[in-house]
N, C-alpha and C. Protein backbone atom coordinates (compact mmCIF):
# COMPACT_ATOMS: atom_id res chain seq x y z
N UNK A 1 5.79 7.27 2.44
CA UNK A 1 4.72 8.20 2.74
C UNK A 1 3.47 7.85 1.91
N UNK A 2 3.70 7.41 0.68
CA UNK A 2 2.54 7.08 -0.16
C UNK A 2 1.70 5.96 0.46
N UNK A 3 2.34 5.01 1.13
CA UNK A 3 1.60 3.92 1.77
C UNK A 3 0.76 4.42 2.94
N UNK A 4 1.27 5.38 3.67
CA UNK A 4 0.55 5.91 4.84
C UNK A 4 -0.68 6.71 4.40
N UNK A 5 -0.55 7.44 3.33
CA UNK A 5 -1.60 8.38 2.90
C UNK A 5 -2.31 7.92 1.63
N UNK A 6 -2.37 6.62 1.35
CA UNK A 6 -2.92 6.10 0.09
C UNK A 6 -4.37 6.52 -0.15
N UNK A 7 -5.22 6.50 0.86
CA UNK A 7 -6.63 6.88 0.63
C UNK A 7 -6.76 8.36 0.31
N UNK A 8 -5.94 9.20 0.93
CA UNK A 8 -5.98 10.64 0.64
C UNK A 8 -5.47 10.92 -0.78
N UNK A 9 -4.47 10.19 -1.21
CA UNK A 9 -3.95 10.36 -2.58
C UNK A 9 -5.03 9.99 -3.58
N UNK A 10 -5.72 8.88 -3.34
CA UNK A 10 -6.81 8.46 -4.24
C UNK A 10 -7.93 9.50 -4.24
N UNK A 11 -8.21 10.11 -3.10
CA UNK A 11 -9.30 11.08 -2.99
C UNK A 11 -9.04 12.33 -3.84
N UNK A 12 -7.79 12.71 -4.02
CA UNK A 12 -7.48 13.89 -4.83
C UNK A 12 -7.19 13.51 -6.28
N UNK A 13 -7.38 12.23 -6.61
CA UNK A 13 -7.19 11.80 -8.00
C UNK A 13 -5.76 11.89 -8.46
N UNK A 14 -4.83 11.79 -7.53
CA UNK A 14 -3.40 11.85 -7.80
C UNK A 14 -2.97 13.17 -8.43
N UNK A 15 -3.77 14.24 -8.18
CA UNK A 15 -3.33 15.58 -8.59
C UNK A 15 -2.16 15.99 -7.70
N UNK A 16 -1.74 17.20 -7.83
CA UNK A 16 -0.59 17.69 -7.09
C UNK A 16 -0.81 17.56 -5.58
N UNK A 17 0.16 17.01 -4.90
CA UNK A 17 0.13 16.87 -3.45
C UNK A 17 1.56 16.81 -2.95
N UNK A 18 1.71 16.97 -1.65
CA UNK A 18 3.03 16.86 -1.02
C UNK A 18 2.83 16.34 0.40
N UNK A 19 3.94 16.05 1.04
CA UNK A 19 3.93 15.60 2.42
C UNK A 19 4.80 16.54 3.24
N UNK A 20 4.43 16.71 4.47
CA UNK A 20 5.30 17.38 5.44
C UNK A 20 5.57 16.35 6.52
N UNK A 21 6.79 16.30 6.98
CA UNK A 21 7.11 15.30 7.99
C UNK A 21 8.29 15.74 8.82
N UNK A 22 8.42 15.11 9.95
CA UNK A 22 9.55 15.38 10.83
C UNK A 22 9.81 14.18 11.71
N UNK A 23 11.05 14.01 12.10
CA UNK A 23 11.45 12.97 13.04
C UNK A 23 11.72 13.61 14.39
N UNK A 24 11.33 12.93 15.45
CA UNK A 24 11.67 13.42 16.78
C UNK A 24 11.81 12.25 17.72
N UNK A 25 12.50 12.48 18.81
CA UNK A 25 12.72 11.47 19.83
C UNK A 25 11.97 11.87 21.09
N UNK A 26 11.30 10.91 21.69
CA UNK A 26 10.62 11.12 22.96
C UNK A 26 10.96 9.92 23.83
N UNK A 27 11.65 10.17 24.91
CA UNK A 27 12.16 9.06 25.72
C UNK A 27 13.20 8.31 24.92
N UNK A 28 13.06 7.02 24.84
CA UNK A 28 14.00 6.20 24.06
C UNK A 28 13.49 5.92 22.65
N UNK A 29 12.28 6.35 22.34
CA UNK A 29 11.66 6.02 21.05
C UNK A 29 11.84 7.14 20.02
N UNK A 30 11.93 6.73 18.77
CA UNK A 30 12.02 7.64 17.63
C UNK A 30 10.65 7.65 16.96
N UNK A 31 10.16 8.84 16.56
CA UNK A 31 8.85 8.99 15.97
C UNK A 31 8.94 9.76 14.65
N UNK A 32 7.97 9.47 13.78
CA UNK A 32 7.78 10.20 12.54
C UNK A 32 6.38 10.82 12.59
N UNK A 33 6.29 12.11 12.41
CA UNK A 33 5.00 12.78 12.32
C UNK A 33 4.88 13.30 10.90
N UNK A 34 3.71 13.08 10.27
CA UNK A 34 3.55 13.50 8.87
C UNK A 34 2.15 14.01 8.61
N UNK A 35 2.05 14.82 7.56
CA UNK A 35 0.76 15.30 7.09
C UNK A 35 0.75 15.24 5.57
N UNK A 36 -0.43 15.04 5.03
CA UNK A 36 -0.66 15.02 3.58
C UNK A 36 -1.21 16.38 3.20
N UNK A 37 -0.66 16.95 2.13
CA UNK A 37 -1.05 18.31 1.75
C UNK A 37 -1.46 18.37 0.28
N UNK A 38 -2.66 18.88 0.07
CA UNK A 38 -3.14 19.18 -1.28
C UNK A 38 -4.03 20.41 -1.15
N UNK A 39 -4.47 20.93 -2.27
CA UNK A 39 -5.32 22.12 -2.22
C UNK A 39 -6.60 21.86 -1.43
N UNK A 40 -7.08 20.62 -1.45
CA UNK A 40 -8.32 20.27 -0.78
C UNK A 40 -8.14 19.78 0.65
N UNK A 41 -6.95 19.38 1.03
CA UNK A 41 -6.82 18.61 2.27
C UNK A 41 -6.14 19.29 3.45
N UNK A 42 -5.42 20.35 3.23
CA UNK A 42 -4.67 20.91 4.34
C UNK A 42 -4.62 22.43 4.20
N UNK A 43 -5.07 23.10 5.27
CA UNK A 43 -5.06 24.56 5.29
C UNK A 43 -4.20 24.99 6.49
N UNK A 44 -3.82 26.24 6.54
CA UNK A 44 -3.03 26.69 7.69
C UNK A 44 -3.73 26.47 9.03
N UNK A 45 -5.06 26.52 9.05
CA UNK A 45 -5.78 26.37 10.31
C UNK A 45 -6.25 24.94 10.59
N UNK A 46 -6.10 24.02 9.62
CA UNK A 46 -6.56 22.65 9.83
C UNK A 46 -5.86 21.69 8.87
N UNK A 47 -5.30 20.64 9.44
CA UNK A 47 -4.59 19.64 8.65
C UNK A 47 -4.66 18.31 9.41
N UNK A 48 -4.62 17.20 8.69
CA UNK A 48 -4.62 15.89 9.31
C UNK A 48 -3.19 15.39 9.43
N UNK A 49 -2.87 14.86 10.61
CA UNK A 49 -1.53 14.38 10.92
C UNK A 49 -1.59 12.92 11.37
N UNK A 50 -0.49 12.20 11.19
CA UNK A 50 -0.34 10.84 11.70
C UNK A 50 1.04 10.74 12.36
N UNK A 51 1.08 10.06 13.49
CA UNK A 51 2.35 9.81 14.18
C UNK A 51 2.63 8.32 14.15
N UNK A 52 3.88 7.97 13.83
CA UNK A 52 4.30 6.58 13.82
C UNK A 52 5.54 6.41 14.69
N UNK A 53 5.56 5.35 15.51
CA UNK A 53 6.76 5.02 16.28
C UNK A 53 7.63 4.13 15.41
N UNK A 54 8.91 4.42 15.38
CA UNK A 54 9.85 3.71 14.51
C UNK A 54 10.78 2.81 15.31
N UNK A 55 11.24 1.74 14.65
CA UNK A 55 12.26 0.88 15.23
C UNK A 55 13.62 1.57 15.03
N UNK A 56 14.68 1.06 15.66
CA UNK A 56 16.01 1.65 15.44
C UNK A 56 16.44 1.63 13.96
N UNK A 57 15.87 0.70 13.16
CA UNK A 57 16.20 0.66 11.73
C UNK A 57 15.16 1.43 10.89
N UNK A 58 14.34 2.25 11.54
CA UNK A 58 13.36 3.14 10.91
C UNK A 58 12.20 2.40 10.23
N UNK A 59 11.89 1.23 10.68
CA UNK A 59 10.67 0.55 10.23
C UNK A 59 9.54 0.97 11.18
N UNK A 60 8.32 0.95 10.69
CA UNK A 60 7.18 1.37 11.51
C UNK A 60 6.86 0.28 12.52
N UNK A 61 6.90 0.63 13.80
CA UNK A 61 6.57 -0.30 14.88
C UNK A 61 5.11 -0.13 15.31
N UNK A 62 4.58 1.08 15.24
CA UNK A 62 3.19 1.35 15.63
C UNK A 62 2.74 2.65 14.98
N UNK A 63 1.46 2.71 14.66
CA UNK A 63 0.89 3.92 14.06
C UNK A 63 -0.25 4.43 14.92
N UNK A 64 -0.28 5.73 15.10
CA UNK A 64 -1.39 6.36 15.80
C UNK A 64 -2.53 6.61 14.84
N UNK A 65 -3.66 7.00 15.39
CA UNK A 65 -4.82 7.35 14.56
C UNK A 65 -4.63 8.76 14.02
N UNK A 66 -5.13 9.02 12.81
CA UNK A 66 -5.06 10.38 12.28
C UNK A 66 -5.76 11.36 13.23
N UNK A 67 -5.21 12.55 13.34
CA UNK A 67 -5.82 13.59 14.16
C UNK A 67 -5.67 14.93 13.46
N UNK A 68 -6.51 15.86 13.85
CA UNK A 68 -6.54 17.17 13.21
C UNK A 68 -5.91 18.21 14.12
N UNK A 69 -5.06 19.02 13.53
CA UNK A 69 -4.45 20.18 14.20
C UNK A 69 -4.22 21.21 13.10
N UNK A 70 -3.61 22.32 13.43
CA UNK A 70 -3.34 23.32 12.41
C UNK A 70 -2.32 22.78 11.41
N UNK A 71 -2.21 23.43 10.29
CA UNK A 71 -1.28 23.01 9.26
C UNK A 71 0.04 23.75 9.28
N UNK A 72 0.27 24.56 10.29
CA UNK A 72 1.49 25.38 10.36
C UNK A 72 2.70 24.50 10.63
N UNK A 73 3.60 24.44 9.68
CA UNK A 73 4.78 23.58 9.81
C UNK A 73 5.73 24.04 10.89
N UNK A 74 5.73 25.31 11.18
CA UNK A 74 6.68 25.83 12.16
C UNK A 74 6.11 25.85 13.57
N UNK A 75 4.99 25.16 13.81
CA UNK A 75 4.40 25.16 15.15
C UNK A 75 4.31 23.75 15.75
N UNK A 76 5.27 22.90 15.40
CA UNK A 76 5.42 21.59 16.03
C UNK A 76 6.43 21.74 17.14
N UNK A 77 6.14 21.15 18.30
CA UNK A 77 7.03 21.27 19.44
C UNK A 77 7.07 19.95 20.20
N UNK A 78 8.25 19.55 20.60
CA UNK A 78 8.41 18.39 21.47
C UNK A 78 9.10 18.88 22.74
N UNK A 79 8.36 18.79 23.84
CA UNK A 79 8.89 19.21 25.14
C UNK A 79 8.55 18.13 26.16
N UNK A 80 9.55 17.70 26.90
CA UNK A 80 9.36 16.68 27.93
C UNK A 80 8.68 15.43 27.37
N UNK A 81 9.07 15.02 26.15
CA UNK A 81 8.54 13.80 25.55
C UNK A 81 7.11 13.91 25.06
N UNK A 82 6.61 15.13 24.92
CA UNK A 82 5.23 15.34 24.47
C UNK A 82 5.23 16.21 23.21
N UNK A 83 4.52 15.74 22.18
CA UNK A 83 4.40 16.48 20.93
C UNK A 83 3.16 17.36 20.97
N UNK A 84 3.32 18.61 20.57
CA UNK A 84 2.17 19.49 20.35
C UNK A 84 2.29 20.11 18.97
N UNK A 85 1.14 20.33 18.34
CA UNK A 85 1.07 21.03 17.07
C UNK A 85 0.11 22.18 17.28
N UNK A 86 0.61 23.40 17.17
CA UNK A 86 -0.18 24.60 17.45
C UNK A 86 -0.80 24.54 18.83
N UNK A 87 -0.08 23.98 19.78
CA UNK A 87 -0.55 23.91 21.15
C UNK A 87 -1.47 22.74 21.45
N UNK A 88 -1.86 21.98 20.43
CA UNK A 88 -2.74 20.83 20.63
C UNK A 88 -1.88 19.58 20.86
N UNK A 89 -2.08 18.93 22.00
CA UNK A 89 -1.32 17.74 22.35
C UNK A 89 -1.69 16.57 21.46
N UNK A 90 -0.69 15.75 21.15
CA UNK A 90 -0.90 14.57 20.32
C UNK A 90 -0.49 13.32 21.10
N UNK A 91 -1.31 12.29 21.02
CA UNK A 91 -0.98 11.02 21.68
C UNK A 91 0.05 10.27 20.85
N UNK A 92 1.06 9.74 21.51
CA UNK A 92 2.09 8.97 20.82
C UNK A 92 1.72 7.49 20.85
N UNK A 93 1.89 6.80 19.72
CA UNK A 93 1.57 5.36 19.69
C UNK A 93 2.58 4.54 20.46
């Protein structure tokens, strides 16, 4: 996770931060969705997320561009191979 969010970690001066992440399957592919969280970077109404497609051995095969959605951890949904966060659709890489 530190490699994915290196610029955000540097921006907060390596103060307290955490990651939120989840694995999900869409079609035959496995994906990792993650967000970087610090006092400055993620609020309940806005947070930056990244989606990565993984190989069967969990190596990163492709990364999507960062996108903004709410920061609510309990509002991620995968239905019919489509990820939404707080109702906002996300493109899969």
